[in-house]
Amino acid sequence: MSTSDEQARRDTREEFQRVVNMAPATLRRWLDSEQSRSVGMTADGEKVSSPADGEAVGHHMGERILALKDTRQADLDEDDYQAMRKVIGYVHRHLAQRPNGELRDSRWRHSLMNWGHDPLAD
């Protein structure tokens, strides 16, 4: 692997750690909640309003984030780095779409939390 490839991976790991600001135990509790399973969009583009609507892409990614956090750096592969870049992109895009008003119980915040980022923790 070239020096520039290793630097790109290092940058990805660092940014992933920065945007995923929820501790693994906190993210696990959140993902286990009904609120977590009641927000987002399915892979087919359907809105999720309850657990019966299917699993949201973000909820699935939250599970992947926990697995990534539990993986040793030396064992990370290109699929893992691709998933990290997807999380980074999602968080940055959605932070730019911050709504006005109360955020604590907003779908916007809950969706970000499924992706490991609690905007109220910033």
N, C-alpha and C. Protein backbone atom coordinates (compact mmCIF):
# COMPACT_ATOMS: atom_id res chain seq x y z
N MET A 1 0.85 -1.18 0.00
CA MET A 1 0.00 0.00 0.00
C MET A 1 0.89 1.24 0.00
N SER A 2 0.52 2.21 -0.83
CA SER A 2 1.33 3.41 -0.92
C SER A 2 1.13 4.30 0.31
N THR A 3 2.06 5.22 0.48
CA THR A 3 1.97 6.17 1.59
C THR A 3 0.69 7.00 1.49
N SER A 4 0.32 7.41 0.27
CA SER A 4 -0.90 8.21 0.11
C SER A 4 -2.15 7.39 0.43
N ASP A 5 -2.15 6.09 0.08
CA ASP A 5 -3.29 5.23 0.43
C ASP A 5 -3.41 5.08 1.94
N GLU A 6 -2.28 4.91 2.60
CA GLU A 6 -2.30 4.77 4.06
C GLU A 6 -2.75 6.08 4.71
N GLN A 7 -2.31 7.21 4.16
CA GLN A 7 -2.75 8.51 4.70
C GLN A 7 -4.26 8.67 4.51
N ALA A 8 -4.78 8.26 3.37
CA ALA A 8 -6.22 8.35 3.12
C ALA A 8 -6.99 7.48 4.11
N ARG A 9 -6.49 6.29 4.39
CA ARG A 9 -7.15 5.43 5.38
C ARG A 9 -7.08 6.04 6.78
N ARG A 10 -5.95 6.60 7.12
CA ARG A 10 -5.80 7.25 8.42
C ARG A 10 -6.78 8.42 8.54
N ASP A 11 -6.87 9.23 7.48
CA ASP A 11 -7.82 10.35 7.48
C ASP A 11 -9.25 9.86 7.63
N THR A 12 -9.58 8.78 6.94
CA THR A 12 -10.93 8.21 7.04
C THR A 12 -11.22 7.74 8.46
N ARG A 13 -10.28 7.01 9.06
CA ARG A 13 -10.47 6.54 10.44
C ARG A 13 -10.66 7.71 11.39
N GLU A 14 -9.84 8.74 11.25
CA GLU A 14 -9.93 9.89 12.16
C GLU A 14 -11.26 10.63 12.00
N GLU A 15 -11.71 10.83 10.77
CA GLU A 15 -12.97 11.53 10.55
C GLU A 15 -14.15 10.68 11.01
N PHE A 16 -14.06 9.38 10.80
CA PHE A 16 -15.10 8.45 11.28
C PHE A 16 -15.21 8.56 12.81
N GLN A 17 -14.08 8.56 13.49
CA GLN A 17 -14.09 8.66 14.94
C GLN A 17 -14.68 10.00 15.39
N ARG A 18 -14.44 11.05 14.62
CA ARG A 18 -14.96 12.36 14.97
C ARG A 18 -16.48 12.44 14.76
N VAL A 19 -16.97 11.94 13.62
CA VAL A 19 -18.41 12.08 13.35
C VAL A 19 -19.24 11.08 14.13
N VAL A 20 -18.70 9.93 14.44
CA VAL A 20 -19.43 8.96 15.28
C VAL A 20 -19.13 9.34 16.72
N ASN A 21 -19.97 10.25 17.25
CA ASN A 21 -19.70 10.80 18.57
C ASN A 21 -20.47 10.09 19.69
N MET A 22 -21.15 9.01 19.36
CA MET A 22 -21.84 8.24 20.39
C MET A 22 -20.97 7.05 20.80
N ALA A 23 -20.81 6.86 22.10
CA ALA A 23 -20.06 5.71 22.59
C ALA A 23 -20.80 4.43 22.19
N PRO A 24 -20.07 3.34 21.98
CA PRO A 24 -20.73 2.10 21.58
C PRO A 24 -21.90 1.68 22.48
N ALA A 25 -21.75 1.80 23.78
CA ALA A 25 -22.85 1.40 24.69
C ALA A 25 -24.07 2.30 24.51
N THR A 26 -23.83 3.59 24.29
CA THR A 26 -24.93 4.53 24.07
C THR A 26 -25.61 4.24 22.74
N LEU A 27 -24.81 3.98 21.71
CA LEU A 27 -25.38 3.65 20.40
C LEU A 27 -26.17 2.34 20.49
N ARG A 28 -25.67 1.36 21.20
CA ARG A 28 -26.38 0.07 21.36
C ARG A 28 -27.74 0.30 22.01
N ARG A 29 -27.77 1.08 23.10
CA ARG A 29 -29.05 1.36 23.77
C ARG A 29 -30.01 2.06 22.81
N TRP A 30 -29.49 3.02 22.05
CA TRP A 30 -30.33 3.75 21.11
C TRP A 30 -30.88 2.80 20.03
N LEU A 31 -30.02 1.98 19.44
CA LEU A 31 -30.46 1.08 18.38
C LEU A 31 -31.48 0.07 18.88
N ASP A 32 -31.44 -0.26 20.15
CA ASP A 32 -32.40 -1.20 20.73
C ASP A 32 -33.75 -0.56 21.04
N SER A 33 -33.84 0.75 20.92
CA SER A 33 -35.08 1.46 21.28
C SER A 33 -36.09 1.45 20.12
N GLU A 34 -37.34 1.59 20.48
CA GLU A 34 -38.39 1.67 19.46
C GLU A 34 -38.24 2.95 18.65
N GLN A 35 -37.81 4.03 19.28
CA GLN A 35 -37.61 5.29 18.55
C GLN A 35 -36.61 5.10 17.42
N SER A 36 -35.54 4.38 17.66
CA SER A 36 -34.52 4.14 16.65
C SER A 36 -35.09 3.37 15.47
N ARG A 37 -35.95 2.41 15.76
CA ARG A 37 -36.52 1.57 14.71
C ARG A 37 -37.74 2.21 14.05
N SER A 38 -38.03 3.47 14.40
CA SER A 38 -39.22 4.16 13.89
C SER A 38 -38.86 5.42 13.11
N VAL A 39 -37.67 5.46 12.52
CA VAL A 39 -37.23 6.64 11.78
C VAL A 39 -36.33 6.21 10.63
N GLY A 40 -36.37 7.00 9.57
CA GLY A 40 -35.48 6.76 8.43
C GLY A 40 -36.22 6.26 7.22
N MET A 41 -35.45 5.71 6.29
CA MET A 41 -35.98 5.19 5.04
C MET A 41 -35.45 3.78 4.84
N THR A 42 -36.30 2.91 4.26
CA THR A 42 -35.84 1.57 3.93
C THR A 42 -34.95 1.63 2.70
N ALA A 43 -34.32 0.53 2.38
CA ALA A 43 -33.48 0.44 1.18
C ALA A 43 -34.31 0.66 -0.08
N ASP A 44 -35.62 0.40 0.00
CA ASP A 44 -36.53 0.60 -1.14
C ASP A 44 -37.06 2.02 -1.21
N GLY A 45 -36.63 2.89 -0.27
CA GLY A 45 -37.05 4.28 -0.30
C GLY A 45 -38.36 4.57 0.41
N GLU A 46 -38.84 3.61 1.20
CA GLU A 46 -40.08 3.80 1.95
C GLU A 46 -39.78 4.42 3.31
N LYS A 47 -40.61 5.35 3.73
CA LYS A 47 -40.44 6.00 5.03
C LYS A 47 -40.75 5.02 6.15
N VAL A 48 -39.91 5.02 7.17
CA VAL A 48 -40.11 4.17 8.35
C VAL A 48 -40.71 5.03 9.45
N SER A 49 -41.89 4.64 9.92
CA SER A 49 -42.55 5.35 11.02
C SER A 49 -42.77 4.46 12.23
N SER A 50 -42.56 3.15 12.04
CA SER A 50 -42.69 2.20 13.14
C SER A 50 -41.83 0.98 12.82
N PRO A 51 -41.50 0.18 13.81
CA PRO A 51 -40.69 -1.00 13.56
C PRO A 51 -41.33 -1.96 12.53
N ALA A 52 -42.64 -1.93 12.43
CA ALA A 52 -43.34 -2.82 11.48
C ALA A 52 -43.09 -2.43 10.02
N ASP A 53 -42.57 -1.22 9.79
CA ASP A 53 -42.33 -0.75 8.43
C ASP A 53 -41.06 -1.33 7.80
N GLY A 54 -40.30 -2.07 8.56
CA GLY A 54 -39.04 -2.63 8.08
C GLY A 54 -37.86 -1.87 8.65
N GLU A 55 -36.67 -2.37 8.36
CA GLU A 55 -35.47 -1.75 8.91
C GLU A 55 -35.00 -0.60 8.03
N ALA A 56 -34.74 0.53 8.66
CA ALA A 56 -34.20 1.70 7.96
C ALA A 56 -32.73 1.46 7.63
N VAL A 57 -32.29 2.08 6.56
CA VAL A 57 -30.89 2.00 6.15
C VAL A 57 -29.99 2.48 7.29
N GLY A 58 -30.39 3.57 7.95
CA GLY A 58 -29.59 4.11 9.04
C GLY A 58 -29.49 3.17 10.22
N HIS A 59 -30.59 2.48 10.54
CA HIS A 59 -30.56 1.52 11.66
C HIS A 59 -29.59 0.40 11.33
N HIS A 60 -29.65 -0.09 10.11
CA HIS A 60 -28.73 -1.14 9.67
C HIS A 60 -27.28 -0.65 9.77
N MET A 61 -27.06 0.61 9.34
CA MET A 61 -25.71 1.16 9.38
C MET A 61 -25.25 1.33 10.83
N GLY A 62 -26.16 1.65 11.74
CA GLY A 62 -25.79 1.74 13.15
C GLY A 62 -25.21 0.43 13.65
N GLU A 63 -25.81 -0.68 13.22
CA GLU A 63 -25.27 -2.00 13.60
C GLU A 63 -23.89 -2.19 12.99
N ARG A 64 -23.72 -1.74 11.77
CA ARG A 64 -22.41 -1.85 11.10
C ARG A 64 -21.37 -1.00 11.82
N ILE A 65 -21.78 0.18 12.27
CA ILE A 65 -20.87 1.07 13.00
C ILE A 65 -20.36 0.37 14.26
N LEU A 66 -21.25 -0.31 14.98
CA LEU A 66 -20.83 -1.03 16.18
C LEU A 66 -19.81 -2.11 15.82
N ALA A 67 -20.04 -2.81 14.73
CA ALA A 67 -19.08 -3.84 14.30
C ALA A 67 -17.75 -3.20 13.92
N LEU A 68 -17.79 -2.05 13.22
CA LEU A 68 -16.55 -1.37 12.85
C LEU A 68 -15.78 -0.93 14.08
N LYS A 69 -16.49 -0.40 15.07
CA LYS A 69 -15.84 0.05 16.30
C LYS A 69 -15.18 -1.10 17.04
N ASP A 70 -15.69 -2.31 16.82
CA ASP A 70 -15.19 -3.49 17.51
C ASP A 70 -14.10 -4.22 16.72
N THR A 71 -13.78 -3.69 15.54
CA THR A 71 -12.78 -4.33 14.67
C THR A 71 -11.42 -3.67 14.87
N ARG A 72 -10.42 -4.50 15.00
CA ARG A 72 -9.05 -3.98 15.13
C ARG A 72 -8.66 -3.25 13.85
N GLN A 73 -7.93 -2.18 13.97
CA GLN A 73 -7.51 -1.39 12.82
C GLN A 73 -6.84 -2.25 11.76
N ALA A 74 -5.98 -3.16 12.16
CA ALA A 74 -5.25 -4.01 11.22
C ALA A 74 -6.18 -4.94 10.45
N ASP A 75 -7.38 -5.19 10.97
CA ASP A 75 -8.31 -6.10 10.33
C ASP A 75 -9.34 -5.40 9.45
N LEU A 76 -9.30 -4.07 9.39
CA LEU A 76 -10.24 -3.33 8.55
C LEU A 76 -9.90 -3.57 7.08
N ASP A 77 -10.95 -3.85 6.27
CA ASP A 77 -10.72 -4.05 4.84
C ASP A 77 -11.37 -2.92 4.04
N GLU A 78 -11.28 -2.98 2.72
CA GLU A 78 -11.79 -1.90 1.88
C GLU A 78 -13.29 -1.71 2.05
N ASP A 79 -14.06 -2.76 2.26
CA ASP A 79 -15.50 -2.62 2.52
C ASP A 79 -15.75 -1.83 3.80
N ASP A 80 -14.92 -2.05 4.80
CA ASP A 80 -15.04 -1.32 6.06
C ASP A 80 -14.77 0.17 5.83
N TYR A 81 -13.72 0.47 5.07
CA TYR A 81 -13.40 1.88 4.80
C TYR A 81 -14.50 2.52 3.96
N GLN A 82 -15.08 1.77 3.05
CA GLN A 82 -16.19 2.30 2.25
C GLN A 82 -17.38 2.62 3.15
N ALA A 83 -17.67 1.73 4.11
CA ALA A 83 -18.77 1.98 5.06
C ALA A 83 -18.47 3.22 5.90
N MET A 84 -17.23 3.37 6.34
CA MET A 84 -16.87 4.55 7.13
C MET A 84 -17.07 5.83 6.31
N ARG A 85 -16.66 5.81 5.03
CA ARG A 85 -16.85 6.98 4.18
C ARG A 85 -18.34 7.28 3.97
N LYS A 86 -19.16 6.25 3.90
CA LYS A 86 -20.60 6.44 3.75
C LYS A 86 -21.17 7.12 5.00
N VAL A 87 -20.74 6.69 6.18
CA VAL A 87 -21.19 7.31 7.43
C VAL A 87 -20.75 8.77 7.47
N ILE A 88 -19.50 9.03 7.13
CA ILE A 88 -18.97 10.40 7.15
C ILE A 88 -19.80 11.29 6.22
N GLY A 89 -20.06 10.81 5.01
CA GLY A 89 -20.83 11.59 4.05
C GLY A 89 -22.24 11.86 4.53
N TYR A 90 -22.90 10.83 5.08
CA TYR A 90 -24.27 10.99 5.56
C TYR A 90 -24.32 12.04 6.67
N VAL A 91 -23.45 11.92 7.64
CA VAL A 91 -23.47 12.83 8.78
C VAL A 91 -23.23 14.27 8.31
N HIS A 92 -22.23 14.47 7.46
CA HIS A 92 -21.95 15.83 6.96
C HIS A 92 -23.15 16.40 6.19
N ARG A 93 -23.75 15.60 5.31
CA ARG A 93 -24.90 16.09 4.53
C ARG A 93 -26.07 16.46 5.42
N HIS A 94 -26.36 15.60 6.39
CA HIS A 94 -27.53 15.84 7.23
C HIS A 94 -27.31 16.94 8.27
N LEU A 95 -26.10 17.12 8.71
CA LEU A 95 -25.83 18.26 9.60
C LEU A 95 -26.07 19.57 8.86
N ALA A 96 -25.79 19.59 7.57
CA ALA A 96 -26.01 20.80 6.76
C ALA A 96 -27.50 21.09 6.57
N GLN A 97 -28.36 20.11 6.84
CA GLN A 97 -29.80 20.26 6.69
C GLN A 97 -30.50 20.48 8.03
N ARG A 98 -29.78 20.98 9.00
CA ARG A 98 -30.31 21.17 10.36
C ARG A 98 -31.60 21.98 10.31
N PRO A 99 -32.68 21.44 10.86
CA PRO A 99 -33.95 22.18 10.85
C PRO A 99 -33.99 23.23 11.96
N ASN A 100 -34.94 24.13 11.83
CA ASN A 100 -35.18 25.12 12.89
C ASN A 100 -36.06 24.47 13.95
N GLY A 101 -36.05 25.05 15.12
CA GLY A 101 -36.94 24.58 16.18
C GLY A 101 -36.29 23.57 17.10
N GLU A 102 -37.13 22.95 17.89
CA GLU A 102 -36.70 21.96 18.90
C GLU A 102 -36.15 20.71 18.20
N LEU A 103 -34.97 20.30 18.60
CA LEU A 103 -34.31 19.16 17.96
C LEU A 103 -34.35 17.88 18.77
N ARG A 104 -34.53 17.99 20.08
CA ARG A 104 -34.39 16.82 20.96
C ARG A 104 -35.16 15.61 20.47
N ASP A 105 -36.43 15.77 20.11
CA ASP A 105 -37.25 14.63 19.68
C ASP A 105 -37.56 14.66 18.19
N SER A 106 -36.68 15.29 17.42
CA SER A 106 -36.93 15.41 15.98
C SER A 106 -36.50 14.15 15.23
N ARG A 107 -37.18 13.86 14.13
CA ARG A 107 -36.80 12.75 13.26
C ARG A 107 -35.38 12.99 12.72
N TRP A 108 -35.04 14.26 12.47
CA TRP A 108 -33.71 14.60 11.96
C TRP A 108 -32.63 14.11 12.94
N ARG A 109 -32.79 14.44 14.21
CA ARG A 109 -31.81 14.00 15.22
C ARG A 109 -31.80 12.49 15.34
N HIS A 110 -32.97 11.88 15.40
CA HIS A 110 -33.04 10.43 15.58
C HIS A 110 -32.40 9.70 14.40
N SER A 111 -32.60 10.23 13.20
CA SER A 111 -31.97 9.62 12.04
C SER A 111 -30.45 9.70 12.14
N LEU A 112 -29.93 10.86 12.52
CA LEU A 112 -28.48 10.99 12.71
C LEU A 112 -27.96 10.05 13.79
N MET A 113 -28.75 9.89 14.85
CA MET A 113 -28.32 8.99 15.93
C MET A 113 -28.21 7.55 15.44
N ASN A 114 -29.07 7.14 14.51
CA ASN A 114 -28.94 5.80 13.94
C ASN A 114 -27.60 5.63 13.24
N TRP A 115 -27.04 6.72 12.75
CA TRP A 115 -25.75 6.72 12.07
C TRP A 115 -24.61 7.04 13.05
N GLY A 116 -24.89 6.99 14.36
CA GLY A 116 -23.85 7.14 15.37
C GLY A 116 -23.50 8.55 15.76
N HIS A 117 -24.30 9.53 15.30
CA HIS A 117 -24.00 10.93 15.60
C HIS A 117 -25.17 11.59 16.32
N ASP A 118 -24.92 12.07 17.52
CA ASP A 118 -25.94 12.83 18.25
C ASP A 118 -25.58 14.32 18.12
N PRO A 119 -26.37 15.06 17.32
CA PRO A 119 -26.03 16.47 17.10
C PRO A 119 -26.12 17.32 18.37
N LEU A 120 -26.82 16.85 19.38
CA LEU A 120 -26.91 17.60 20.63
C LEU A 120 -25.65 17.40 21.49
N ALA A 121 -24.81 16.45 21.12
CA ALA A 121 -23.57 16.22 21.87
C ALA A 121 -22.44 17.11 21.38
N ASP A 122 -22.65 17.80 20.25
CA ASP A 122 -21.61 18.68 19.71
C ASP A 122 -21.39 19.89 20.56
